[in-house]
C-alpha cells in the first residue's frame, strides 16, 4: 500500500509532549498515529477524554 500525506490540527502542547515521547522511545509520530488508527478500526478501546 502507498502512504499518503495528511495535515492535522493538534494542540501544540500535546504535540510537543508526544514528540518527546516518540523521540525517547525512538518511534516515529506517523507510525504511532497509524497504529492508533488501526486500533480504532479494530474496535480497540482508548481513553477518549
Protein backbone atom coordinates (compact mmCIF):
# COMPACT_ATOMS: atom_id res chain seq x y z
CA UNK A 1 0.00 0.00 0.00
CA UNK A 2 1.12 3.51 -0.72
CA UNK A 3 1.48 6.08 2.02
CA UNK A 4 -0.35 9.38 1.79
CA UNK A 5 0.42 12.69 3.44
CA UNK A 6 -2.21 14.30 5.63
CA UNK A 7 -2.42 17.57 7.51
CA UNK A 8 -3.69 17.61 11.10
CA UNK A 9 -4.51 20.34 13.56
CA UNK A 10 -3.29 19.29 17.03
CA UNK A 11 -2.91 21.15 20.29
CA UNK A 12 0.69 22.40 20.40
CA UNK A 13 1.35 21.21 23.96
CA UNK A 14 0.05 17.71 23.20
CA UNK A 15 2.12 17.57 20.02
CA UNK A 16 5.33 18.62 21.80
CA UNK A 17 4.79 16.08 24.60
CA UNK A 18 4.05 13.29 22.13
CA UNK A 19 7.03 14.28 20.01
CA UNK A 20 9.32 13.97 23.06
CA UNK A 21 7.71 10.65 23.96
CA UNK A 22 8.39 9.29 20.48
CA UNK A 23 11.96 10.62 20.43
CA UNK A 24 12.73 8.99 23.78
CA UNK A 25 11.42 5.64 22.55
CA UNK A 26 12.91 6.04 19.04
CA UNK A 27 9.46 5.94 17.42
CA UNK A 28 8.03 7.94 14.56
CA UNK A 29 4.94 10.05 15.14
CA UNK A 30 3.39 8.94 11.86
CA UNK A 31 3.74 5.24 12.66
CA UNK A 32 2.23 5.73 16.12
CA UNK A 33 -0.73 7.61 14.63
CA UNK A 34 -1.16 4.83 12.06
CA UNK A 35 -1.15 2.18 14.79
CA UNK A 36 -3.71 4.19 16.77
CA UNK A 37 -5.96 4.42 13.69
CA UNK A 38 -5.69 0.67 13.08
CA UNK A 39 -6.67 0.05 16.71
CA UNK A 40 -9.75 2.26 16.37
CA UNK A 41 -10.79 0.42 13.22
CA UNK A 42 -10.40 -2.94 15.01
CA UNK A 43 -12.58 -1.68 17.88
CA UNK A 44 -9.82 -1.46 20.48
CA UNK A 45 -10.65 0.87 23.33
CA UNK A 46 -8.77 4.07 24.04
CA UNK A 47 -9.11 6.89 26.53
CA UNK A 48 -11.23 9.47 24.72
CA UNK A 49 -11.25 12.46 27.01
